[in-house]
Amino acid sequence: MPGEVSWVELRPSRERVEGWFVSNKDDHRLHAVIDGPSRAVPDRLMQRTGPMTETEKQRCIADRPITTTPVGAATTIPLN
């Protein structure tokens, strides 16, 4: 829509594993929580939109010269 900007966000999926380490020899227990990247759930790719800032609007109306395509097309090379 006019006056809006859009962008793409990637949110990596995370997985939390929780459990106990138990030593049968000394009767020690340690509770552990491990958080890391998930291999079971895919990452989330989301498209967002929002209003443009004044700086973004000024950049859109600014003169931005671009090169000709293909590069050097404006110059002619005589063929013999």
N, C-alpha and C. Protein backbone atom coordinates (compact mmCIF):
# COMPACT_ATOMS: atom_id res chain seq x y z
N MET A 1 0.83 -1.17 0.00
CA MET A 1 0.00 0.00 0.00
C MET A 1 0.88 1.24 0.00
N PRO A 2 0.39 2.33 -0.59
CA PRO A 2 1.16 3.57 -0.56
C PRO A 2 1.39 4.05 0.88
N GLY A 3 2.59 4.54 1.12
CA GLY A 3 2.91 5.05 2.44
C GLY A 3 3.27 3.98 3.45
N GLU A 4 3.41 2.73 3.01
CA GLU A 4 3.79 1.65 3.92
C GLU A 4 5.10 1.02 3.46
N VAL A 5 5.79 0.48 4.39
CA VAL A 5 7.03 -0.23 4.12
C VAL A 5 6.84 -1.67 4.57
N SER A 6 7.51 -2.60 3.91
CA SER A 6 7.41 -3.99 4.34
C SER A 6 8.81 -4.58 4.49
N TRP A 7 8.91 -5.57 5.35
CA TRP A 7 10.17 -6.25 5.58
C TRP A 7 9.89 -7.70 5.94
N VAL A 8 10.93 -8.49 5.92
CA VAL A 8 10.81 -9.92 6.20
C VAL A 8 11.61 -10.21 7.47
N GLU A 9 11.01 -10.98 8.36
CA GLU A 9 11.69 -11.39 9.60
C GLU A 9 11.83 -12.90 9.60
N LEU A 10 12.97 -13.35 10.07
CA LEU A 10 13.21 -14.78 10.23
C LEU A 10 13.35 -15.05 11.72
N ARG A 11 12.48 -15.89 12.23
CA ARG A 11 12.56 -16.28 13.64
C ARG A 11 12.98 -17.74 13.70
N PRO A 12 14.22 -17.97 14.13
CA PRO A 12 14.67 -19.36 14.23
C PRO A 12 13.90 -20.10 15.30
N SER A 13 13.58 -21.34 15.02
CA SER A 13 12.85 -22.13 16.00
C SER A 13 13.81 -22.60 17.09
N ARG A 14 13.30 -22.66 18.29
CA ARG A 14 14.09 -23.07 19.45
C ARG A 14 13.43 -24.29 20.09
N GLU A 15 14.22 -25.04 20.77
CA GLU A 15 13.71 -26.23 21.47
C GLU A 15 14.33 -26.27 22.86
N ARG A 16 13.51 -26.54 23.84
CA ARG A 16 13.98 -26.62 25.22
C ARG A 16 13.86 -28.06 25.71
N VAL A 17 14.96 -28.55 26.25
CA VAL A 17 15.00 -29.90 26.82
C VAL A 17 15.26 -29.74 28.31
N GLU A 18 14.48 -30.46 29.11
CA GLU A 18 14.59 -30.35 30.56
C GLU A 18 14.69 -31.75 31.14
N GLY A 19 15.56 -31.91 32.12
CA GLY A 19 15.67 -33.23 32.73
C GLY A 19 16.61 -33.23 33.92
N TRP A 20 16.87 -34.43 34.42
CA TRP A 20 17.70 -34.62 35.60
C TRP A 20 18.90 -35.49 35.26
N PHE A 21 20.07 -35.10 35.79
CA PHE A 21 21.24 -35.96 35.78
C PHE A 21 21.33 -36.56 37.18
N VAL A 22 21.36 -37.88 37.25
CA VAL A 22 21.35 -38.56 38.54
C VAL A 22 22.59 -39.44 38.65
N SER A 23 23.30 -39.30 39.76
CA SER A 23 24.47 -40.13 40.05
C SER A 23 24.04 -41.23 41.01
N ASN A 24 24.11 -42.45 40.56
CA ASN A 24 23.74 -43.59 41.42
C ASN A 24 24.78 -43.84 42.49
N LYS A 25 26.00 -43.47 42.24
CA LYS A 25 27.09 -43.74 43.16
C LYS A 25 27.03 -42.83 44.40
N ASP A 26 26.86 -41.51 44.17
CA ASP A 26 26.89 -40.56 45.28
C ASP A 26 25.51 -40.02 45.66
N ASP A 27 24.50 -40.44 44.96
CA ASP A 27 23.13 -39.97 45.18
C ASP A 27 23.02 -38.45 45.01
N HIS A 28 23.72 -37.92 43.99
CA HIS A 28 23.61 -36.51 43.64
C HIS A 28 22.64 -36.38 42.47
N ARG A 29 21.89 -35.27 42.49
CA ARG A 29 20.98 -35.00 41.37
C ARG A 29 21.22 -33.57 40.90
N LEU A 30 21.14 -33.38 39.59
CA LEU A 30 21.31 -32.06 39.01
C LEU A 30 20.21 -31.84 37.98
N HIS A 31 19.44 -30.79 38.20
CA HIS A 31 18.37 -30.45 37.26
C HIS A 31 18.98 -29.57 36.17
N ALA A 32 18.72 -29.88 34.88
CA ALA A 32 19.29 -29.13 33.76
C ALA A 32 18.20 -28.72 32.78
N VAL A 33 18.33 -27.51 32.29
CA VAL A 33 17.45 -26.99 31.23
C VAL A 33 18.36 -26.52 30.11
N ILE A 34 18.19 -27.09 28.92
CA ILE A 34 19.03 -26.76 27.78
C ILE A 34 18.13 -26.19 26.68
N ASP A 35 18.51 -25.01 26.19
CA ASP A 35 17.76 -24.35 25.14
C ASP A 35 18.68 -24.22 23.93
N GLY A 36 18.19 -24.62 22.76
CA GLY A 36 19.01 -24.55 21.56
C GLY A 36 18.17 -24.59 20.31
N PRO A 37 18.82 -24.54 19.14
CA PRO A 37 18.09 -24.60 17.88
C PRO A 37 17.34 -25.91 17.74
N SER A 38 16.15 -25.83 17.16
CA SER A 38 15.34 -27.03 16.98
C SER A 38 15.57 -27.63 15.60
N ARG A 39 15.74 -28.93 15.56
CA ARG A 39 15.83 -29.62 14.27
C ARG A 39 14.49 -30.22 13.90
N ALA A 40 13.54 -30.23 14.81
CA ALA A 40 12.24 -30.85 14.56
C ALA A 40 11.22 -29.87 13.98
N VAL A 41 11.36 -28.58 14.30
CA VAL A 41 10.38 -27.57 13.87
C VAL A 41 11.09 -26.57 12.95
N PRO A 42 10.51 -26.25 11.79
CA PRO A 42 11.18 -25.30 10.89
C PRO A 42 11.16 -23.88 11.43
N ASP A 43 12.10 -23.06 10.94
CA ASP A 43 12.13 -21.64 11.29
C ASP A 43 10.89 -20.96 10.73
N ARG A 44 10.51 -19.84 11.34
CA ARG A 44 9.34 -19.08 10.89
C ARG A 44 9.79 -17.87 10.09
N LEU A 45 9.26 -17.73 8.88
CA LEU A 45 9.53 -16.59 8.02
C LEU A 45 8.26 -15.77 7.94
N MET A 46 8.34 -14.49 8.37
CA MET A 46 7.14 -13.66 8.43
C MET A 46 7.38 -12.37 7.67
N GLN A 47 6.35 -11.92 6.95
CA GLN A 47 6.41 -10.62 6.29
C GLN A 47 5.62 -9.62 7.13
N ARG A 48 6.24 -8.49 7.40
CA ARG A 48 5.63 -7.44 8.22
C ARG A 48 5.43 -6.18 7.38
N THR A 49 4.47 -5.37 7.75
CA THR A 49 4.26 -4.08 7.11
C THR A 49 4.01 -3.03 8.18
N GLY A 50 4.29 -1.79 7.83
CA GLY A 50 4.06 -0.69 8.76
C GLY A 50 4.17 0.64 8.05
N PRO A 51 3.81 1.72 8.71
CA PRO A 51 3.88 3.04 8.07
C PRO A 51 5.33 3.46 7.84
N MET A 52 5.54 4.20 6.75
CA MET A 52 6.88 4.70 6.43
C MET A 52 7.21 5.90 7.31
N THR A 53 8.48 6.01 7.67
CA THR A 53 8.94 7.19 8.39
C THR A 53 9.17 8.31 7.39
N GLU A 54 9.31 9.53 7.89
CA GLU A 54 9.57 10.67 7.01
C GLU A 54 10.88 10.49 6.26
N THR A 55 11.89 9.92 6.89
CA THR A 55 13.18 9.69 6.24
C THR A 55 13.01 8.73 5.06
N GLU A 56 12.24 7.67 5.26
CA GLU A 56 12.00 6.71 4.17
C GLU A 56 11.23 7.36 3.03
N LYS A 57 10.26 8.20 3.34
CA LYS A 57 9.50 8.88 2.29
C LYS A 57 10.40 9.82 1.49
N GLN A 58 11.29 10.55 2.17
CA GLN A 58 12.21 11.45 1.47
C GLN A 58 13.16 10.68 0.58
N ARG A 59 13.59 9.52 1.02
CA ARG A 59 14.49 8.70 0.21
C ARG A 59 13.78 8.19 -1.05
N CYS A 60 12.51 7.90 -0.96
CA CYS A 60 11.77 7.41 -2.12
C CYS A 60 11.61 8.47 -3.20
N ILE A 61 11.47 9.72 -2.80
CA ILE A 61 11.28 10.77 -3.81
C ILE A 61 12.59 11.39 -4.26
N ALA A 62 13.71 11.01 -3.64
CA ALA A 62 15.02 11.56 -4.00
C ALA A 62 15.47 10.99 -5.34
N ASP A 63 16.24 11.78 -6.07
CA ASP A 63 16.79 11.36 -7.34
C ASP A 63 17.92 10.37 -7.07
N ARG A 64 17.77 9.17 -7.57
CA ARG A 64 18.79 8.14 -7.40
C ARG A 64 19.20 7.63 -8.77
N PRO A 65 20.23 8.23 -9.37
CA PRO A 65 20.64 7.78 -10.70
C PRO A 65 21.14 6.34 -10.66
N ILE A 66 20.83 5.63 -11.71
CA ILE A 66 21.27 4.24 -11.81
C ILE A 66 22.12 4.07 -13.06
N THR A 67 22.91 3.05 -13.12
CA THR A 67 23.74 2.79 -14.28
C THR A 67 22.89 2.20 -15.40
N THR A 68 23.37 2.36 -16.61
CA THR A 68 22.63 1.80 -17.75
C THR A 68 22.82 0.29 -17.77
N THR A 69 21.86 -0.38 -18.33
CA THR A 69 21.93 -1.84 -18.42
C THR A 69 21.94 -2.25 -19.87
N PRO A 70 22.81 -3.07 -20.32
CA PRO A 70 23.99 -3.57 -19.62
C PRO A 70 25.03 -2.47 -19.42
N VAL A 71 25.94 -2.70 -18.50
CA VAL A 71 26.94 -1.70 -18.18
C VAL A 71 27.73 -1.38 -19.44
N GLY A 72 27.86 -0.10 -19.75
CA GLY A 72 28.60 0.33 -20.93
C GLY A 72 27.77 0.35 -22.19
N ALA A 73 26.47 0.20 -22.09
CA ALA A 73 25.61 0.19 -23.28
C ALA A 73 25.58 1.55 -23.95
N ALA A 74 25.88 2.62 -23.21
CA ALA A 74 25.83 3.96 -23.78
C ALA A 74 27.03 4.21 -24.69
N THR A 75 28.11 3.49 -24.52
CA THR A 75 29.29 3.67 -25.37
C THR A 75 29.19 2.69 -26.53
N THR A 76 29.53 3.17 -27.70
CA THR A 76 29.48 2.30 -28.88
C THR A 76 30.90 1.92 -29.28
N ILE A 77 31.07 0.71 -29.67
CA ILE A 77 32.36 0.21 -30.13
C ILE A 77 32.22 -0.08 -31.62
N PRO A 78 33.01 0.59 -32.46
CA PRO A 78 32.87 0.35 -33.90
C PRO A 78 33.33 -1.07 -34.25
N LEU A 79 32.55 -1.72 -35.09
CA LEU A 79 32.90 -3.05 -35.55
C LEU A 79 33.56 -2.95 -36.93
N ASN A 80 34.66 -3.59 -37.14
CA ASN A 80 35.38 -3.55 -38.43
C ASN A 80 34.99 -4.70 -39.30
